[in-house]
Amino acid sequence: MLLTLTPIGAPVDYLKQMVEDKIISEHVGVMSVENCWPEGFKTPLLSQADIDALSRSYLSLDREARLNGSWDAGIPEGRIFDAFTDEMISDLEPAASFYDDSGREIQKDFIWSVGIDHGHDVSSQAAILSCIDMTDAQDPIVYIVDEYISDGAGANKHARGILQMLRRNNLEIADITRWTGDRRHGGTKKGDGRMSNGMLMSGFAHELGYMRSGLPFKIKTAFKPKWSLLYGCQVIHERMINGKFQIFPACKTTIKSMRLWARKSNGLIDTLSEHKHSIDAMRYGIMPIIDVKYRQVTPSKIVRRW
């Protein structure tokens, strides 16, 4: 038995050419009820309803490739988050607890996280405050609560802005379980606008009155293998279609990015888009919490709010 996986996001022109040159042969099994019905089984492994649900869970970017083996994984110039709707924008805070079948009150398990993307252009330095309800770790609920958006300013200014974001949401440093930042940003050719997690931590130490080595938290570097961008978008898309995603109206730039970030004319993701910065910060903040491919964190036990 030979098993091959669809190389989403990877170049496949050479394989396509080899098929055309009859060096190798292509055998495609599309996702259908017939192909999910093994001989001798009374019912298929997947019903049409199951296949339809699976189809909705995929990004439009690679849906045809995943379901039907299409060589063309991209749909030109379409929105990345085509499942994002205005109904997901709300400032309604979730209940802090719920009652089980026996009538006992159970406190929900909320984890606060900050994701940071570095950049030097206008609106390219972004920090996103997220709250993830991990009461059901297999089906988390993501709340995008607030944002800090700036340009290539100094570390002290960025740290000050992020602290202000926390304070206007009645949060302190101790309430944040996870800090995740982008890799080092080199800035312009002249070296202007450089930023890194270390520089930002120095900014926090200055603003909070700590020695650099005494800062009570660390900004961890985002886990960024080649597949992380598309995979992170896929996971966020699934939260959306499952009704487990909410963004607060205060996140104006991120909302705009969710609406406008689109593919290029060749169908590939536009990694240089101005709308990608806040999306990256959002991914960095929530993916280490909700996905097993990323490092697990100790759930927060802070229940004073939400």
Protein backbone atom coordinates (compact mmCIF):
# COMPACT_ATOMS: atom_id res chain seq x y z
CA MET A 1 0.00 0.00 0.00
CA LEU A 2 1.33 3.44 -0.94
CA LEU A 3 0.13 6.49 0.99
CA THR A 4 0.88 10.03 -0.13
CA LEU A 5 -0.28 13.23 1.52
CA THR A 6 -1.31 16.37 -0.32
CA PRO A 7 1.67 18.80 -0.23
CA ILE A 8 -0.35 21.88 0.70
CA GLY A 9 1.70 25.05 0.42
CA ALA A 10 4.63 23.27 -1.23
CA PRO A 11 5.71 23.45 -4.90
CA VAL A 12 4.43 20.47 -6.89
CA ASP A 13 5.20 21.61 -10.44
CA TYR A 14 8.00 19.06 -10.73
CA LEU A 15 5.61 16.22 -9.82
CA LYS A 16 3.01 17.46 -12.27
CA GLN A 17 5.66 17.58 -15.01
CA MET A 18 6.78 14.02 -14.19
CA VAL A 19 3.18 12.84 -14.55
CA GLU A 20 2.86 14.63 -17.89
CA ASP A 21 6.16 13.09 -19.02
CA LYS A 22 4.82 9.65 -17.97
CA ILE A 23 7.73 9.10 -15.62
CA ILE A 24 5.28 8.45 -12.79
CA SER A 25 1.54 7.89 -12.79
CA GLU A 26 -1.17 9.75 -10.90
CA HIS A 27 -3.99 7.93 -9.11
CA VAL A 28 -6.58 10.19 -7.45
CA GLY A 29 -9.22 9.06 -5.00
CA VAL A 30 -11.68 11.88 -4.51
CA MET A 31 -13.51 12.31 -1.22
CA SER A 32 -16.87 10.67 -1.88
CA VAL A 33 -19.26 8.30 -0.13
CA GLU A 34 -18.41 5.63 -2.68
CA ASN A 35 -14.69 5.88 -1.95
CA CYS A 36 -15.36 5.78 1.80
CA TRP A 37 -17.36 2.55 1.60
CA PRO A 38 -15.06 -0.48 1.99
CA GLU A 39 -16.18 -3.71 0.40
CA GLY A 40 -18.15 -5.83 2.85
CA PHE A 41 -19.20 -2.90 5.06
CA LYS A 42 -22.91 -2.26 5.53
CA THR A 43 -22.40 1.49 5.85
CA PRO A 44 -19.73 3.92 4.60
CA LEU A 45 -16.99 5.23 6.87
CA LEU A 46 -18.14 8.76 6.04
CA SER A 47 -21.63 9.88 5.05
CA GLN A 48 -22.29 12.74 2.65
CA ALA A 49 -23.10 14.90 5.66
CA ASP A 50 -19.70 14.01 7.15
CA ILE A 51 -17.96 14.90 3.89
CA ASP A 52 -19.85 18.20 3.65
CA ALA A 53 -18.80 19.07 7.23
CA LEU A 54 -15.20 18.16 6.42
CA SER A 55 -15.33 20.36 3.33
CA ARG A 56 -16.54 23.33 5.37
CA SER A 57 -13.70 22.83 7.85
CA TYR A 58 -11.07 23.37 5.14
CA LEU A 59 -9.92 26.77 3.95
CA SER A 60 -11.11 27.59 0.44
CA LEU A 61 -7.43 27.98 -0.39
CA ASP A 62 -6.78 24.23 -0.36
CA ARG A 63 -10.25 22.65 -0.27
CA GLU A 64 -10.12 21.22 -3.80
CA ALA A 65 -6.63 19.87 -3.28
CA ARG A 66 -7.58 18.10 -0.06
CA LEU A 67 -10.92 16.70 -1.23
CA ASN A 68 -10.39 16.04 -4.92
CA GLY A 69 -6.64 15.91 -5.42
CA SER A 70 -6.51 19.09 -7.50
CA TRP A 71 -3.04 20.23 -8.55
CA ASP A 72 -4.19 23.82 -8.18
CA ALA A 73 -4.38 24.42 -4.42
CA GLY A 74 -5.22 28.11 -4.63
CA ILE A 75 -8.31 30.04 -5.66
CA PRO A 76 -7.11 33.39 -7.03
CA GLU A 77 -7.76 36.50 -4.98
CA GLY A 78 -10.17 34.99 -2.48
CA ARG A 79 -10.39 35.86 1.23
CA ILE A 80 -8.36 33.66 3.54
CA PHE A 81 -10.96 33.77 6.33
CA ASP A 82 -14.08 33.48 4.21
CA ALA A 83 -15.97 32.09 7.23
CA PHE A 84 -15.48 35.29 9.23
CA THR A 85 -18.74 37.20 9.68
CA ASP A 86 -19.94 40.31 11.52
CA GLU A 87 -21.84 38.04 13.93
CA MET A 88 -18.46 37.07 15.42
CA ILE A 89 -17.82 40.67 16.48
CA SER A 90 -19.17 41.26 19.98
CA ASP A 91 -18.17 42.80 23.30
CA LEU A 92 -20.33 40.36 25.27
CA GLU A 93 -18.16 38.82 27.98
CA PRO A 94 -18.62 35.08 28.62
CA ALA A 95 -19.93 33.79 31.92
CA ALA A 96 -17.21 32.95 34.43
CA SER A 97 -18.83 29.66 35.46
CA PHE A 98 -21.49 27.12 34.57
CA TYR A 99 -23.60 24.53 36.39
CA ASP A 100 -23.19 20.81 35.79
CA ASP A 101 -26.01 18.26 35.74
CA SER A 102 -25.92 17.94 39.54
CA GLY A 103 -26.36 21.70 40.00
CA ARG A 104 -22.77 22.26 41.11
CA GLU A 105 -21.16 25.51 39.95
CA ILE A 106 -17.99 24.95 37.91
CA GLN A 107 -15.49 27.73 37.27
CA LYS A 108 -14.43 27.96 33.64
CA ASP A 109 -10.73 27.62 32.85
CA PHE A 110 -9.63 30.79 31.06
CA ILE A 111 -6.09 31.33 29.80
CA TRP A 112 -4.91 34.81 28.90
CA SER A 113 -2.28 35.14 26.20
CA VAL A 114 -0.43 37.90 24.34
CA GLY A 115 0.92 37.33 20.82
CA ILE A 116 3.34 39.83 19.27
CA ASP A 117 4.43 40.41 15.66
CA HIS A 118 7.44 42.64 14.98
CA GLY A 119 7.74 45.11 12.10
CA HIS A 120 8.85 48.61 11.17
CA ASP A 121 6.19 49.72 8.67
CA VAL A 122 2.92 51.46 9.57
CA SER A 123 0.72 49.16 11.69
CA SER A 124 3.24 46.32 11.41
CA GLN A 125 4.09 46.07 15.12
CA ALA A 126 1.12 44.29 16.61
CA ALA A 127 0.22 42.76 19.97
CA ILE A 128 -3.03 40.83 20.37
CA LEU A 129 -4.64 40.07 23.73
CA SER A 130 -6.52 36.78 23.66
CA CYS A 131 -8.54 34.84 26.21
CA ILE A 132 -9.05 31.14 25.55
CA ASP A 133 -11.72 29.15 27.35
CA MET A 134 -10.06 25.76 27.91
CA THR A 135 -12.83 24.28 30.03
CA ASP A 136 -13.20 21.71 27.24
CA ALA A 137 -9.64 21.39 25.97
CA GLN A 138 -10.85 19.41 22.94
CA ASP A 139 -13.17 22.22 21.89
CA PRO A 140 -11.68 25.55 23.09
CA ILE A 141 -13.39 28.91 22.63
CA VAL A 142 -11.22 31.77 21.39
CA TYR A 143 -11.86 35.38 22.40
CA ILE A 144 -9.77 38.09 20.70
CA VAL A 145 -10.14 40.86 23.27
CA ASP A 146 -7.89 43.81 22.39
CA GLU A 147 -4.98 44.94 20.25
CA TYR A 148 -1.96 47.22 20.28
CA ILE A 149 -0.96 48.42 16.82
CA SER A 150 2.06 50.62 16.06
CA ASP A 151 4.94 51.19 13.68
CA GLY A 152 8.68 50.72 14.12
CA ALA A 153 9.01 52.72 17.33
CA GLY A 154 11.31 51.95 20.25
CA ALA A 155 10.91 49.05 22.65
CA ASN A 156 9.92 51.28 25.56
CA LYS A 157 7.01 52.75 23.60
CA HIS A 158 5.79 49.30 22.53
CA ALA A 159 6.04 47.97 26.09
CA ARG A 160 4.13 51.00 27.38
CA GLY A 161 1.39 50.51 24.80
CA ILE A 162 0.98 46.81 25.58
CA LEU A 163 0.81 47.51 29.32
CA GLN A 164 -1.88 50.12 28.66
CA MET A 165 -3.80 47.50 26.69
CA LEU A 166 -3.69 45.14 29.67
CA ARG A 167 -4.73 47.82 32.15
CA ARG A 168 -7.75 48.98 30.17
CA ASN A 169 -8.93 45.36 30.39
CA ASN A 170 -8.32 45.27 34.18
CA LEU A 171 -5.41 42.86 33.78
CA GLU A 172 -1.94 42.74 35.29
CA ILE A 173 1.23 41.02 34.15
CA ALA A 174 0.51 38.11 36.51
CA ASP A 175 -2.78 37.40 34.70
CA ILE A 176 -1.03 36.53 31.42
CA THR A 177 -0.16 32.83 31.17
CA ARG A 178 1.69 32.97 27.89
CA TRP A 179 3.71 35.62 26.02
CA THR A 180 4.76 34.68 22.48
CA GLY A 181 6.65 36.93 20.07
CA ASP A 182 7.91 36.82 16.51
CA ARG A 183 11.49 36.13 15.53
CA ARG A 184 13.94 39.03 15.48
CA HIS A 185 13.02 41.73 12.96
CA GLY A 186 15.96 43.37 11.19
CA GLY A 187 14.23 46.64 10.30
CA THR A 188 15.20 48.72 7.29
CA LYS A 189 18.42 48.49 5.29
CA LYS A 190 19.76 51.29 7.47
CA GLY A 191 18.95 49.30 10.60
CA ASP A 192 16.02 51.46 11.67
CA GLY A 193 13.00 49.75 13.21
CA ARG A 194 14.84 46.72 14.55
CA MET A 195 12.85 44.79 17.16
CA SER A 196 13.11 41.49 19.00
CA ASN A 197 11.60 39.77 22.00
CA GLY A 198 14.73 40.55 24.00
CA MET A 199 14.55 44.25 23.16
CA LEU A 200 10.87 44.31 24.07
CA MET A 201 11.55 42.58 27.39
CA SER A 202 14.10 45.28 28.16
CA GLY A 203 11.36 47.80 27.40
CA PHE A 204 9.01 46.06 29.82
CA ALA A 205 11.70 45.97 32.50
CA HIS A 206 12.22 49.72 32.10
CA GLU A 207 8.50 50.51 32.24
CA LEU A 208 7.83 48.23 35.21
CA GLY A 209 10.92 49.20 37.20
CA TYR A 210 12.65 45.81 37.09
CA MET A 211 16.20 44.83 36.39
CA ARG A 212 16.28 43.10 32.99
CA SER A 213 17.09 39.76 34.61
CA GLY A 214 14.34 40.19 37.22
CA LEU A 215 11.39 40.50 34.86
CA PRO A 216 8.72 38.01 36.12
CA PHE A 217 7.84 36.69 32.65
CA LYS A 218 9.51 35.76 29.38
CA ILE A 219 8.41 36.36 25.80
CA LYS A 220 8.87 33.01 24.08
CA THR A 221 9.76 32.89 20.41
CA ALA A 222 6.96 31.69 18.14
CA PHE A 223 7.16 28.16 16.77
CA LYS A 224 7.35 28.79 13.00
CA PRO A 225 7.97 25.72 10.84
CA LYS A 226 7.11 26.10 7.15
CA TRP A 227 3.62 24.69 7.62
CA SER A 228 2.69 26.91 10.58
CA LEU A 229 1.07 29.80 8.66
CA LEU A 230 -1.41 27.73 6.68
CA TYR A 231 -1.99 25.32 9.55
CA GLY A 232 -2.65 28.14 12.03
CA CYS A 233 -5.16 29.73 9.67
CA GLN A 234 -6.84 26.34 9.26
CA VAL A 235 -7.21 25.90 13.04
CA ILE A 236 -8.64 29.43 13.46
CA HIS A 237 -11.03 28.78 10.54
CA GLU A 238 -12.28 25.64 12.31
CA ARG A 239 -12.95 27.63 15.49
CA MET A 240 -15.00 30.04 13.37
CA ILE A 241 -17.19 27.48 11.64
CA ASN A 242 -17.77 25.69 14.95
CA GLY A 243 -19.05 28.87 16.60
CA LYS A 244 -16.05 29.01 18.96
CA PHE A 245 -14.54 32.33 17.87
CA GLN A 246 -15.37 35.87 19.04
CA ILE A 247 -13.54 39.13 18.49
CA PHE A 248 -14.20 42.33 20.42
CA PRO A 249 -15.01 45.58 18.54
CA ALA A 250 -11.91 47.22 20.05
CA CYS A 251 -9.78 45.10 17.68
CA LYS A 252 -10.42 47.36 14.69
CA THR A 253 -7.23 46.59 12.79
CA THR A 254 -7.55 42.84 13.31
CA ILE A 255 -11.19 42.88 12.21
CA LYS A 256 -10.18 44.75 9.06
CA SER A 257 -7.41 42.24 8.44
CA MET A 258 -9.78 39.30 8.83
CA ARG A 259 -12.07 40.88 6.25
CA LEU A 260 -9.43 41.91 3.72
CA TRP A 261 -6.47 39.51 3.90
CA ALA A 262 -6.66 37.61 0.61
CA ARG A 263 -4.68 35.43 -1.75
CA LYS A 264 -2.58 36.74 -4.58
CA SER A 265 -3.64 36.38 -8.21
CA ASN A 266 -1.71 33.10 -8.43
CA GLY A 267 -3.75 31.66 -5.55
CA LEU A 268 -0.96 31.67 -2.97
CA ILE A 269 -1.14 33.38 0.42
CA ASP A 270 0.12 36.97 0.35
CA THR A 271 2.78 36.79 3.05
CA LEU A 272 3.76 40.45 2.53
CA SER A 273 0.25 41.84 2.96
CA GLU A 274 -0.26 44.72 5.36
CA HIS A 275 -3.19 42.75 6.77
CA LYS A 276 -1.03 39.82 7.87
CA HIS A 277 0.67 41.45 10.87
CA SER A 278 -2.23 41.38 13.33
CA ILE A 279 -3.21 37.90 12.08
CA ASP A 280 0.31 36.67 12.84
CA ALA A 281 0.19 38.18 16.33
CA MET A 282 -3.16 36.48 16.88
CA ARG A 283 -1.78 33.12 15.73
CA TYR A 284 1.29 33.41 17.94
CA GLY A 285 -0.89 34.07 20.96
CA ILE A 286 -3.52 31.37 20.60
CA MET A 287 -1.85 28.43 18.83
CA PRO A 288 0.44 27.41 21.73
CA ILE A 289 -2.67 27.23 23.92
CA ILE A 290 -5.20 25.41 21.75
CA ASP A 291 -3.15 23.04 19.59
CA VAL A 292 -1.23 19.92 20.56
CA LYS A 293 1.44 20.51 17.88
CA TYR A 294 2.67 23.40 20.01
CA ARG A 295 4.19 23.34 23.48
CA GLN A 296 1.61 22.82 26.22
CA VAL A 297 1.18 25.43 28.95
CA THR A 298 0.04 25.22 32.54
CA PRO A 299 -3.62 26.33 32.63
CA SER A 300 -4.25 29.58 34.48
CA LYS A 301 -6.08 29.31 37.80
CA ILE A 302 -6.86 33.02 37.97
CA VAL A 303 -10.64 33.34 38.19
CA ARG A 304 -11.07 36.88 39.47
CA ARG A 305 -12.32 37.98 36.04
CA TRP A 306 -14.25 35.93 33.47
